[in-house]
Amino acid sequence: MASSDWDPSFKNPGLAKARLTLFWASNYKLNTAKTVLDYAEKLLGEHNIGFDVYPGRVRSDKHTIEVPDRPLLPEEYNDLRLKAGAIFDDQKTPDKRQRLPVIFCEFKDTGMGLTVLTRPPGTTTGSPWLPYCLVSGAIANDESVLIHEIGHAATNSPNHLPQLGNIMHEAPAKQKRTIIVKTQVQAIVRSYFVR
């Protein structure tokens, strides 16, 4: 990879907007959604990528999914995604433009956020849908949870980077995640949820 691929000041040369559809599970009690949304919008904006959130940044009854009042288990994630699709199905919108589903919920995992990746052909694990994100309310002062998950969704990859401070570094406690490099900007712009 050329050294310019790691340029942290690269700006997308055209118009692009990351498009998200937000959902809230009924077990989401600690509301840190605005914090992670604002941070993702700020970092993307620094690279000339806009931010479009539907239906809005405030929890709505219409976009709330009823779930048991406990952390969700991995085997329940795809059912949660199915319920989100019943509320808002991108494929039935007039412009046919897909959006990244982000579900604010509590789930049983060691992380504060996770991206359910598309199931590889010939396997049984993963999602039958394009990647979607789950974000906990318990973010432990890590406002970069959502932008990190956007990175996973954009690449449909579970991989992390060793560079401290990069949005795809695994451990934000060591150094705040503030850096998006050129190749990451380009991957986000090419993702299914950016127009």
N, C-alpha and C. Protein backbone atom coordinates (compact mmCIF):
# COMPACT_ATOMS: atom_id res chain seq x y z
N MET A 1 0.84 -1.17 0.00
CA MET A 1 0.00 0.00 0.00
C MET A 1 0.90 1.24 0.00
N ALA A 2 0.58 2.19 -0.86
CA ALA A 2 1.37 3.42 -0.95
C ALA A 2 1.18 4.25 0.31
N SER A 3 2.20 5.03 0.65
CA SER A 3 2.10 5.86 1.86
C SER A 3 0.94 6.85 1.77
N SER A 4 0.59 7.29 0.54
CA SER A 4 -0.53 8.22 0.39
C SER A 4 -1.86 7.57 0.77
N ASP A 5 -1.92 6.22 0.73
CA ASP A 5 -3.14 5.52 1.12
C ASP A 5 -3.45 5.72 2.61
N TRP A 6 -2.43 6.08 3.38
CA TRP A 6 -2.59 6.27 4.82
C TRP A 6 -2.75 7.75 5.19
N ASP A 7 -3.01 8.60 4.18
CA ASP A 7 -3.15 10.04 4.40
C ASP A 7 -4.39 10.32 5.28
N PRO A 8 -4.19 10.84 6.50
CA PRO A 8 -5.32 11.10 7.39
C PRO A 8 -6.05 12.41 7.08
N SER A 9 -5.53 13.20 6.14
CA SER A 9 -6.20 14.46 5.80
C SER A 9 -6.92 14.39 4.45
N PHE A 10 -6.97 13.20 3.85
CA PHE A 10 -7.63 13.03 2.55
C PHE A 10 -9.12 13.39 2.67
N LYS A 11 -9.60 14.16 1.69
CA LYS A 11 -11.01 14.52 1.63
C LYS A 11 -11.62 13.90 0.37
N ASN A 12 -12.79 13.34 0.50
CA ASN A 12 -13.49 12.80 -0.65
C ASN A 12 -13.71 13.93 -1.65
N PRO A 13 -13.33 13.74 -2.93
CA PRO A 13 -13.42 14.84 -3.89
C PRO A 13 -14.84 15.16 -4.38
N GLY A 14 -15.78 14.25 -4.24
CA GLY A 14 -17.13 14.49 -4.73
C GLY A 14 -18.13 14.63 -3.61
N LEU A 15 -19.40 14.67 -4.00
CA LEU A 15 -20.47 14.72 -3.02
C LEU A 15 -20.79 13.30 -2.58
N ALA A 16 -20.88 13.10 -1.30
CA ALA A 16 -21.23 11.79 -0.76
C ALA A 16 -21.93 11.99 0.57
N LYS A 17 -22.86 11.10 0.85
CA LYS A 17 -23.60 11.19 2.11
C LYS A 17 -23.83 9.80 2.65
N ALA A 18 -23.39 9.57 3.88
CA ALA A 18 -23.67 8.30 4.56
C ALA A 18 -25.12 8.33 5.02
N ARG A 19 -25.88 7.31 4.64
CA ARG A 19 -27.31 7.27 4.92
C ARG A 19 -27.60 6.15 5.92
N LEU A 20 -28.16 6.52 7.07
CA LEU A 20 -28.45 5.57 8.13
C LEU A 20 -29.94 5.59 8.44
N THR A 21 -30.48 4.44 8.79
CA THR A 21 -31.82 4.36 9.35
C THR A 21 -31.66 3.87 10.78
N LEU A 22 -32.23 4.62 11.71
CA LEU A 22 -32.06 4.31 13.12
C LEU A 22 -33.27 3.58 13.68
N PHE A 23 -32.98 2.63 14.55
CA PHE A 23 -33.99 1.88 15.29
C PHE A 23 -33.54 1.81 16.74
N TRP A 24 -34.49 1.69 17.63
CA TRP A 24 -34.20 1.54 19.05
C TRP A 24 -34.91 0.29 19.54
N ALA A 25 -34.21 -0.57 20.24
CA ALA A 25 -34.86 -1.72 20.87
C ALA A 25 -35.39 -1.26 22.22
N SER A 26 -36.45 -1.90 22.68
CA SER A 26 -37.06 -1.51 23.95
C SER A 26 -36.14 -1.72 25.13
N ASN A 27 -35.09 -2.56 24.99
CA ASN A 27 -34.16 -2.79 26.10
C ASN A 27 -33.04 -1.74 26.16
N TYR A 28 -33.07 -0.75 25.28
CA TYR A 28 -32.05 0.31 25.24
C TYR A 28 -32.45 1.39 26.24
N LYS A 29 -31.78 1.42 27.38
CA LYS A 29 -32.17 2.32 28.48
C LYS A 29 -31.26 3.54 28.60
N LEU A 30 -29.97 3.34 28.49
CA LEU A 30 -29.01 4.43 28.64
C LEU A 30 -28.83 5.08 27.27
N ASN A 31 -29.39 6.27 27.09
CA ASN A 31 -29.44 6.87 25.76
C ASN A 31 -28.18 7.69 25.46
N THR A 32 -27.26 7.07 24.74
CA THR A 32 -26.04 7.75 24.29
C THR A 32 -26.03 7.88 22.77
N ALA A 33 -27.18 7.67 22.14
CA ALA A 33 -27.27 7.71 20.67
C ALA A 33 -26.77 9.03 20.10
N LYS A 34 -27.20 10.15 20.67
CA LYS A 34 -26.79 11.45 20.15
C LYS A 34 -25.28 11.61 20.18
N THR A 35 -24.65 11.15 21.24
CA THR A 35 -23.19 11.25 21.38
C THR A 35 -22.48 10.54 20.24
N VAL A 36 -22.85 9.29 19.96
CA VAL A 36 -22.15 8.53 18.92
C VAL A 36 -22.52 9.02 17.52
N LEU A 37 -23.76 9.48 17.34
CA LEU A 37 -24.17 10.02 16.05
C LEU A 37 -23.42 11.32 15.74
N ASP A 38 -23.35 12.21 16.72
CA ASP A 38 -22.65 13.48 16.51
C ASP A 38 -21.18 13.26 16.20
N TYR A 39 -20.56 12.32 16.88
CA TYR A 39 -19.14 12.05 16.67
C TYR A 39 -18.90 11.47 15.27
N ALA A 40 -19.73 10.52 14.85
CA ALA A 40 -19.59 9.95 13.51
C ALA A 40 -19.78 11.03 12.45
N GLU A 41 -20.78 11.87 12.65
CA GLU A 41 -21.03 12.95 11.69
C GLU A 41 -19.84 13.91 11.60
N LYS A 42 -19.25 14.24 12.75
CA LYS A 42 -18.10 15.14 12.78
C LYS A 42 -16.92 14.54 12.02
N LEU A 43 -16.57 13.28 12.33
CA LEU A 43 -15.42 12.67 11.67
C LEU A 43 -15.65 12.49 10.17
N LEU A 44 -16.83 12.07 9.77
CA LEU A 44 -17.11 11.92 8.34
C LEU A 44 -17.06 13.28 7.65
N GLY A 45 -17.60 14.30 8.31
CA GLY A 45 -17.60 15.65 7.74
C GLY A 45 -16.19 16.16 7.47
N GLU A 46 -15.25 15.79 8.31
CA GLU A 46 -13.85 16.21 8.12
C GLU A 46 -13.27 15.64 6.83
N HIS A 47 -13.93 14.62 6.27
CA HIS A 47 -13.46 13.99 5.03
C HIS A 47 -14.45 14.19 3.88
N ASN A 48 -15.30 15.20 4.01
CA ASN A 48 -16.25 15.60 2.97
C ASN A 48 -17.31 14.53 2.69
N ILE A 49 -17.74 13.85 3.75
CA ILE A 49 -18.84 12.89 3.64
C ILE A 49 -19.96 13.40 4.55
N GLY A 50 -21.11 13.66 3.96
CA GLY A 50 -22.26 14.14 4.72
C GLY A 50 -22.90 13.01 5.52
N PHE A 51 -23.94 13.35 6.24
CA PHE A 51 -24.57 12.41 7.16
C PHE A 51 -26.08 12.61 7.07
N ASP A 52 -26.79 11.55 6.75
CA ASP A 52 -28.25 11.60 6.60
C ASP A 52 -28.86 10.53 7.50
N VAL A 53 -29.59 10.95 8.52
CA VAL A 53 -30.17 10.04 9.49
C VAL A 53 -31.69 10.05 9.36
N TYR A 54 -32.27 8.86 9.22
CA TYR A 54 -33.72 8.73 9.13
C TYR A 54 -34.20 7.82 10.26
N PRO A 55 -35.29 8.09 10.92
CA PRO A 55 -36.22 9.21 10.74
C PRO A 55 -35.76 10.47 11.45
N GLY A 56 -34.80 10.37 12.34
CA GLY A 56 -34.26 11.49 13.09
C GLY A 56 -33.41 10.96 14.23
N ARG A 57 -32.80 11.85 14.97
CA ARG A 57 -31.88 11.44 16.03
C ARG A 57 -32.57 11.18 17.36
N VAL A 58 -33.86 11.40 17.41
CA VAL A 58 -34.61 11.21 18.65
C VAL A 58 -35.44 9.93 18.52
N ARG A 59 -35.39 9.13 19.54
CA ARG A 59 -36.14 7.87 19.57
C ARG A 59 -37.61 8.13 19.27
N SER A 60 -38.16 7.30 18.41
CA SER A 60 -39.58 7.41 18.09
C SER A 60 -40.26 6.07 18.34
N ASP A 61 -41.54 6.13 18.69
CA ASP A 61 -42.29 4.89 18.92
C ASP A 61 -42.32 4.03 17.67
N LYS A 62 -42.46 4.68 16.51
CA LYS A 62 -42.55 3.94 15.25
C LYS A 62 -41.29 3.13 14.97
N HIS A 63 -40.14 3.63 15.37
CA HIS A 63 -38.88 2.95 15.11
C HIS A 63 -38.33 2.22 16.34
N THR A 64 -39.22 1.89 17.28
CA THR A 64 -38.83 1.12 18.46
C THR A 64 -39.29 -0.32 18.27
N ILE A 65 -38.38 -1.24 18.54
CA ILE A 65 -38.64 -2.67 18.38
C ILE A 65 -38.76 -3.29 19.76
N GLU A 66 -39.86 -3.97 20.01
CA GLU A 66 -40.06 -4.64 21.30
C GLU A 66 -39.20 -5.90 21.37
N VAL A 67 -38.41 -5.98 22.44
CA VAL A 67 -37.54 -7.14 22.68
C VAL A 67 -37.61 -7.48 24.16
N PRO A 68 -37.14 -8.66 24.56
CA PRO A 68 -37.09 -8.98 25.99
C PRO A 68 -36.23 -7.97 26.74
N ASP A 69 -36.54 -7.76 28.00
CA ASP A 69 -35.81 -6.76 28.81
C ASP A 69 -34.54 -7.38 29.40
N ARG A 70 -33.62 -7.74 28.50
CA ARG A 70 -32.34 -8.34 28.85
C ARG A 70 -31.43 -8.17 27.63
N PRO A 71 -30.13 -8.38 27.79
CA PRO A 71 -29.25 -8.31 26.62
C PRO A 71 -29.61 -9.37 25.58
N LEU A 72 -29.62 -8.97 24.32
CA LEU A 72 -29.96 -9.89 23.24
C LEU A 72 -28.78 -10.83 22.95
N LEU A 73 -29.09 -12.03 22.54
CA LEU A 73 -28.09 -13.05 22.24
C LEU A 73 -27.82 -13.08 20.73
N PRO A 74 -26.64 -13.54 20.32
CA PRO A 74 -26.31 -13.56 18.89
C PRO A 74 -27.37 -14.23 18.01
N GLU A 75 -27.98 -15.29 18.52
CA GLU A 75 -29.00 -15.97 17.70
C GLU A 75 -30.28 -15.13 17.53
N GLU A 76 -30.37 -14.01 18.23
CA GLU A 76 -31.54 -13.12 18.11
C GLU A 76 -31.29 -11.92 17.19
N TYR A 77 -30.04 -11.71 16.77
CA TYR A 77 -29.72 -10.51 16.00
C TYR A 77 -30.47 -10.46 14.66
N ASN A 78 -30.51 -11.58 13.94
CA ASN A 78 -31.17 -11.55 12.63
C ASN A 78 -32.68 -11.37 12.76
N ASP A 79 -33.27 -11.87 13.84
CA ASP A 79 -34.69 -11.63 14.08
C ASP A 79 -34.93 -10.15 14.35
N LEU A 80 -34.01 -9.53 15.09
CA LEU A 80 -34.09 -8.09 15.34
C LEU A 80 -34.02 -7.32 14.02
N ARG A 81 -33.11 -7.73 13.13
CA ARG A 81 -32.97 -7.07 11.83
C ARG A 81 -34.24 -7.26 10.99
N LEU A 82 -34.84 -8.43 11.07
CA LEU A 82 -36.08 -8.69 10.35
C LEU A 82 -37.19 -7.76 10.83
N LYS A 83 -37.27 -7.56 12.15
CA LYS A 83 -38.27 -6.64 12.71
C LYS A 83 -38.00 -5.21 12.27
N ALA A 84 -36.73 -4.82 12.19
CA ALA A 84 -36.39 -3.48 11.71
C ALA A 84 -36.83 -3.31 10.26
N GLY A 85 -36.60 -4.35 9.45
CA GLY A 85 -37.02 -4.30 8.05
C GLY A 85 -38.52 -4.21 7.87
N ALA A 86 -39.27 -4.76 8.82
CA ALA A 86 -40.74 -4.65 8.76
C ALA A 86 -41.19 -3.22 9.06
N ILE A 87 -40.41 -2.50 9.82
CA ILE A 87 -40.73 -1.09 10.12
C ILE A 87 -40.36 -0.19 8.96
N PHE A 88 -39.16 -0.39 8.41
CA PHE A 88 -38.69 0.42 7.29
C PHE A 88 -37.88 -0.44 6.35
N ASP A 89 -38.42 -0.71 5.17
CA ASP A 89 -37.76 -1.55 4.18
C ASP A 89 -37.24 -0.66 3.05
N ASP A 90 -35.91 -0.53 2.98
CA ASP A 90 -35.30 0.32 1.94
C ASP A 90 -35.76 -0.04 0.54
N GLN A 91 -35.96 -1.31 0.29
CA GLN A 91 -36.31 -1.73 -1.07
C GLN A 91 -37.70 -1.29 -1.49
N LYS A 92 -38.50 -0.83 -0.54
CA LYS A 92 -39.84 -0.37 -0.90
C LYS A 92 -39.92 1.15 -0.98
N THR A 93 -38.78 1.82 -0.79
CA THR A 93 -38.78 3.28 -0.91
C THR A 93 -38.67 3.65 -2.38
N PRO A 94 -39.25 4.78 -2.78
CA PRO A 94 -39.29 5.15 -4.20
C PRO A 94 -37.91 5.25 -4.87
N ASP A 95 -36.88 5.74 -4.16
CA ASP A 95 -35.58 5.92 -4.81
C ASP A 95 -34.70 4.67 -4.78
N LYS A 96 -35.16 3.61 -4.10
CA LYS A 96 -34.45 2.33 -4.03
C LYS A 96 -33.03 2.47 -3.45
N ARG A 97 -32.77 3.51 -2.72
CA ARG A 97 -31.45 3.70 -2.13
C ARG A 97 -31.40 3.06 -0.76
N GLN A 98 -30.45 2.21 -0.57
CA GLN A 98 -30.34 1.51 0.69
C GLN A 98 -29.66 2.38 1.75
N ARG A 99 -30.00 2.09 2.97
CA ARG A 99 -29.45 2.81 4.11
C ARG A 99 -28.86 1.77 5.07
N LEU A 100 -27.92 2.20 5.91
CA LEU A 100 -27.33 1.31 6.91
C LEU A 100 -28.24 1.25 8.12
N PRO A 101 -28.81 0.08 8.44
CA PRO A 101 -29.60 -0.02 9.65
C PRO A 101 -28.69 0.01 10.89
N VAL A 102 -28.99 0.92 11.80
CA VAL A 102 -28.28 1.01 13.08
C VAL A 102 -29.32 0.81 14.16
N ILE A 103 -29.14 -0.23 14.97
CA ILE A 103 -30.11 -0.56 16.01
C ILE A 103 -29.46 -0.31 17.37
N PHE A 104 -29.99 0.65 18.10
CA PHE A 104 -29.52 0.93 19.45
C PHE A 104 -30.19 -0.07 20.38
N CYS A 105 -29.38 -0.93 20.99
CA CYS A 105 -29.93 -2.00 21.83
C CYS A 105 -28.84 -2.51 22.76
N GLU A 106 -29.25 -3.30 23.72
CA GLU A 106 -28.28 -3.97 24.59
C GLU A 106 -28.17 -5.41 24.14
N PHE A 107 -26.94 -5.90 24.02
CA PHE A 107 -26.68 -7.23 23.50
C PHE A 107 -25.56 -7.88 24.28
N LYS A 108 -25.49 -9.20 24.23
CA LYS A 108 -24.48 -9.95 24.97
C LYS A 108 -23.24 -10.07 24.10
N ASP A 109 -22.27 -9.24 24.37
CA ASP A 109 -21.01 -9.23 23.62
C ASP A 109 -20.00 -8.47 24.46
N THR A 110 -18.73 -8.66 24.19
CA THR A 110 -17.72 -7.95 24.96
C THR A 110 -17.57 -6.50 24.50
N GLY A 111 -18.00 -6.19 23.28
CA GLY A 111 -17.87 -4.83 22.75
C GLY A 111 -19.08 -3.97 23.03
N MET A 112 -18.93 -2.69 22.74
CA MET A 112 -20.02 -1.73 22.92
C MET A 112 -20.81 -1.55 21.64
N GLY A 113 -20.27 -2.07 20.57
CA GLY A 113 -20.94 -2.04 19.28
C GLY A 113 -20.54 -3.28 18.52
N LEU A 114 -21.33 -3.66 17.55
CA LEU A 114 -20.96 -4.77 16.69
C LEU A 114 -21.66 -4.62 15.35
N THR A 115 -21.03 -5.16 14.35
CA THR A 115 -21.62 -5.17 13.01
C THR A 115 -21.86 -6.62 12.63
N VAL A 116 -23.09 -6.91 12.25
CA VAL A 116 -23.42 -8.25 11.78
C VAL A 116 -23.12 -8.25 10.29
N LEU A 117 -22.13 -9.02 9.90
CA LEU A 117 -21.65 -9.04 8.52
C LEU A 117 -22.49 -9.96 7.65
N THR A 118 -22.46 -9.71 6.35
CA THR A 118 -23.17 -10.55 5.40
C THR A 118 -22.57 -11.95 5.40
N ARG A 119 -23.42 -12.93 5.40
CA ARG A 119 -23.00 -14.33 5.41
C ARG A 119 -22.24 -14.67 4.13
N PRO A 120 -21.03 -15.19 4.26
CA PRO A 120 -20.30 -15.60 3.05
C PRO A 120 -21.02 -16.76 2.36
N PRO A 121 -20.91 -16.87 1.04
CA PRO A 121 -21.56 -17.98 0.32
C PRO A 121 -21.09 -19.33 0.88
N GLY A 122 -22.03 -20.25 1.01
CA GLY A 122 -21.71 -21.59 1.46
C GLY A 122 -21.54 -21.74 2.97
N THR A 123 -21.87 -20.68 3.73
CA THR A 123 -21.75 -20.77 5.19
C THR A 123 -23.11 -20.53 5.83
N THR A 124 -23.19 -20.78 7.13
CA THR A 124 -24.46 -20.60 7.83
C THR A 124 -24.40 -19.52 8.90
N THR A 125 -23.23 -18.90 9.10
CA THR A 125 -23.14 -17.84 10.10
C THR A 125 -23.10 -16.48 9.43
N GLY A 126 -23.63 -15.50 10.13
CA GLY A 126 -23.69 -14.15 9.58
C GLY A 126 -25.11 -13.80 9.18
N SER A 127 -25.23 -12.74 8.44
CA SER A 127 -26.53 -12.20 8.09
C SER A 127 -26.91 -12.49 6.64
N PRO A 128 -28.19 -12.79 6.39
CA PRO A 128 -28.63 -12.90 5.00
C PRO A 128 -28.79 -11.52 4.35
N TRP A 129 -28.68 -10.46 5.15
CA TRP A 129 -28.79 -9.09 4.66
C TRP A 129 -27.41 -8.47 4.50
N LEU A 130 -27.38 -7.28 3.93
CA LEU A 130 -26.16 -6.48 3.93
C LEU A 130 -25.81 -6.16 5.38
N PRO A 131 -24.57 -5.78 5.67
CA PRO A 131 -24.19 -5.52 7.07
C PRO A 131 -25.11 -4.51 7.76
N TYR A 132 -25.32 -4.75 9.05
CA TYR A 132 -26.07 -3.82 9.89
C TYR A 132 -25.39 -3.73 11.24
N CYS A 133 -25.66 -2.65 11.96
CA CYS A 133 -24.92 -2.37 13.20
C CYS A 133 -25.81 -2.38 14.42
N LEU A 134 -25.26 -2.87 15.53
CA LEU A 134 -25.89 -2.79 16.84
C LEU A 134 -24.98 -1.92 17.71
N VAL A 135 -25.57 -0.97 18.43
CA VAL A 135 -24.80 -0.07 19.28
C VAL A 135 -25.44 -0.03 20.65
N SER A 136 -24.63 -0.30 21.68
CA SER A 136 -25.09 -0.30 23.07
C SER A 136 -25.17 1.13 23.60
N GLY A 137 -25.98 1.30 24.62
CA GLY A 137 -26.01 2.59 25.31
C GLY A 137 -24.84 2.74 26.26
N ALA A 138 -24.28 1.62 26.69
CA ALA A 138 -23.14 1.62 27.62
C ALA A 138 -21.85 1.72 26.82
N ILE A 139 -21.49 2.95 26.43
CA ILE A 139 -20.34 3.14 25.55
C ILE A 139 -19.05 3.44 26.30
N ALA A 140 -19.08 3.50 27.63
CA ALA A 140 -17.89 3.72 28.45
C ALA A 140 -17.07 4.92 27.97
N ASN A 141 -17.74 6.02 27.72
CA ASN A 141 -17.11 7.26 27.26
C ASN A 141 -16.42 7.14 25.90
N ASP A 142 -16.74 6.12 25.12
CA ASP A 142 -16.15 5.97 23.79
C ASP A 142 -17.17 6.44 22.75
N GLU A 143 -17.05 7.68 22.37
CA GLU A 143 -17.99 8.23 21.39
C GLU A 143 -17.74 7.73 19.98
N SER A 144 -16.65 6.97 19.76
CA SER A 144 -16.31 6.49 18.42
C SER A 144 -16.92 5.13 18.08
N VAL A 145 -17.78 4.61 18.93
CA VAL A 145 -18.36 3.29 18.71
C VAL A 145 -19.05 3.21 17.34
N LEU A 146 -19.89 4.16 17.01
CA LEU A 146 -20.65 4.09 15.75
C LEU A 146 -19.73 4.23 14.54
N ILE A 147 -18.80 5.18 14.54
CA ILE A 147 -17.94 5.35 13.36
C ILE A 147 -17.10 4.09 13.15
N HIS A 148 -16.70 3.43 14.23
CA HIS A 148 -15.97 2.16 14.13
C HIS A 148 -16.84 1.11 13.44
N GLU A 149 -18.11 1.01 13.85
CA GLU A 149 -19.01 0.02 13.25
C GLU A 149 -19.34 0.38 11.80
N ILE A 150 -19.42 1.66 11.48
CA ILE A 150 -19.61 2.08 10.09
C ILE A 150 -18.44 1.57 9.24
N GLY A 151 -17.23 1.62 9.80
CA GLY A 151 -16.06 1.09 9.09
C GLY A 151 -16.19 -0.40 8.81
N HIS A 152 -16.66 -1.17 9.79
CA HIS A 152 -16.87 -2.61 9.56
C HIS A 152 -17.94 -2.83 8.49
N ALA A 153 -19.04 -2.08 8.57
CA ALA A 153 -20.14 -2.25 7.61
C ALA A 153 -19.70 -1.87 6.20
N ALA A 154 -18.87 -0.84 6.07
CA ALA A 154 -18.43 -0.38 4.75
C ALA A 154 -17.58 -1.43 4.04
N THR A 155 -16.84 -2.20 4.82
CA THR A 155 -15.93 -3.19 4.23
C THR A 155 -16.45 -4.63 4.35
N ASN A 156 -17.54 -4.81 5.08
CA ASN A 156 -18.08 -6.15 5.37
C ASN A 156 -16.96 -7.04 5.91
N SER A 157 -16.18 -6.45 6.82
CA SER A 157 -15.00 -7.14 7.34
C SER A 157 -14.92 -6.99 8.86
N PRO A 158 -14.48 -8.06 9.56
CA PRO A 158 -14.31 -7.98 11.00
C PRO A 158 -12.92 -7.44 11.40
N ASN A 159 -12.09 -7.13 10.43
CA ASN A 159 -10.69 -6.80 10.70
C ASN A 159 -10.52 -5.47 11.42
N HIS A 160 -9.47 -5.45 12.26
CA HIS A 160 -9.07 -4.23 12.97
C HIS A 160 -7.67 -3.84 12.52
N LEU A 161 -7.29 -2.60 12.78
CA LEU A 161 -5.95 -2.12 12.44
C LEU A 161 -5.13 -1.91 13.70
N PRO A 162 -3.83 -2.08 13.62
CA PRO A 162 -2.98 -1.91 14.81
C PRO A 162 -2.65 -0.45 15.13
N GLN A 163 -2.93 0.48 14.22
CA GLN A 163 -2.54 1.88 14.43
C GLN A 163 -3.43 2.54 15.49
N LEU A 164 -2.81 2.94 16.58
CA LEU A 164 -3.54 3.65 17.64
C LEU A 164 -4.17 4.91 17.08
N GLY A 165 -5.38 5.20 17.51
CA GLY A 165 -6.06 6.41 17.09
C GLY A 165 -6.89 6.25 15.83
N ASN A 166 -6.66 5.16 15.07
CA ASN A 166 -7.45 4.93 13.86
C ASN A 166 -8.83 4.44 14.25
N ILE A 167 -9.84 4.81 13.46
CA ILE A 167 -11.22 4.39 13.78
C ILE A 167 -11.37 2.88 13.81
N MET A 168 -10.49 2.16 13.14
CA MET A 168 -10.60 0.71 13.11
C MET A 168 -9.65 0.02 14.09
N HIS A 169 -9.07 0.78 15.01
CA HIS A 169 -8.27 0.16 16.07
C HIS A 169 -9.24 -0.48 17.05
N GLU A 170 -8.85 -1.61 17.59
CA GLU A 170 -9.76 -2.38 18.44
C GLU A 170 -9.95 -1.81 19.84
N ALA A 171 -8.94 -1.12 20.37
CA ALA A 171 -8.99 -0.70 21.78
C ALA A 171 -8.96 0.82 21.92
N PRO A 172 -10.12 1.45 21.94
CA PRO A 172 -10.15 2.92 22.05
C PRO A 172 -9.65 3.44 23.39
N ALA A 173 -9.56 2.58 24.41
CA ALA A 173 -9.10 3.03 25.72
C ALA A 173 -7.63 3.45 25.68
N LYS A 174 -6.86 2.87 24.76
CA LYS A 174 -5.44 3.19 24.67
C LYS A 174 -5.20 4.58 24.06
N GLN A 175 -6.03 4.97 23.09
CA GLN A 175 -5.95 6.29 22.47
C GLN A 175 -7.27 6.53 21.76
N LYS A 176 -7.80 7.74 21.90
CA LYS A 176 -9.08 8.08 21.28
C LYS A 176 -9.02 7.84 19.77
N ARG A 177 -10.09 7.25 19.21
CA ARG A 177 -10.13 6.97 17.78
C ARG A 177 -10.62 8.22 17.03
N THR A 178 -9.69 8.88 16.35
CA THR A 178 -9.99 10.14 15.65
C THR A 178 -9.56 10.13 14.19
N ILE A 179 -8.84 9.10 13.75
CA ILE A 179 -8.19 9.12 12.43
C ILE A 179 -8.92 8.22 11.44
N ILE A 180 -9.23 8.81 10.28
CA ILE A 180 -9.74 8.06 9.13
C ILE A 180 -8.75 8.33 7.99
N VAL A 181 -8.16 7.29 7.42
CA VAL A 181 -7.18 7.47 6.35
C VAL A 181 -7.84 7.34 4.98
N LYS A 182 -7.09 7.70 3.95
CA LYS A 182 -7.60 7.76 2.58
C LYS A 182 -8.31 6.48 2.15
N THR A 183 -7.67 5.32 2.36
CA THR A 183 -8.31 4.07 1.91
C THR A 183 -9.62 3.81 2.64
N GLN A 184 -9.72 4.24 3.89
CA GLN A 184 -10.96 4.06 4.63
C GLN A 184 -12.05 5.01 4.12
N VAL A 185 -11.67 6.25 3.82
CA VAL A 185 -12.62 7.20 3.23
C VAL A 185 -13.16 6.62 1.93
N GLN A 186 -12.28 6.11 1.10
CA GLN A 186 -12.70 5.55 -0.19
C GLN A 186 -13.60 4.33 0.00
N ALA A 187 -13.30 3.49 0.97
CA ALA A 187 -14.14 2.31 1.23
C ALA A 187 -15.53 2.73 1.71
N ILE A 188 -15.59 3.73 2.56
CA ILE A 188 -16.88 4.21 3.05
C ILE A 188 -17.69 4.78 1.89
N VAL A 189 -17.06 5.58 1.04
CA VAL A 189 -17.76 6.19 -0.08
C VAL A 189 -18.29 5.12 -1.06
N ARG A 190 -17.59 4.00 -1.19
CA ARG A 190 -18.03 2.93 -2.10
C ARG A 190 -19.08 2.02 -1.46
N SER A 191 -19.35 2.16 -0.19
CA SER A 191 -20.24 1.23 0.51
C SER A 191 -21.69 1.38 0.05
N TYR A 192 -22.48 0.35 0.31
CA TYR A 192 -23.86 0.31 -0.17
C TYR A 192 -24.74 1.42 0.40
N PHE A 193 -24.36 1.99 1.53
CA PHE A 193 -25.22 2.98 2.18
C PHE A 193 -24.77 4.43 1.98
N VAL A 194 -23.82 4.65 1.10
CA VAL A 194 -23.37 6.01 0.80
C VAL A 194 -23.76 6.37 -0.62
N ARG A 195 -24.35 7.55 -0.77
CA ARG A 195 -24.77 8.06 -2.10
C ARG A 195 -24.28 9.47 -2.26
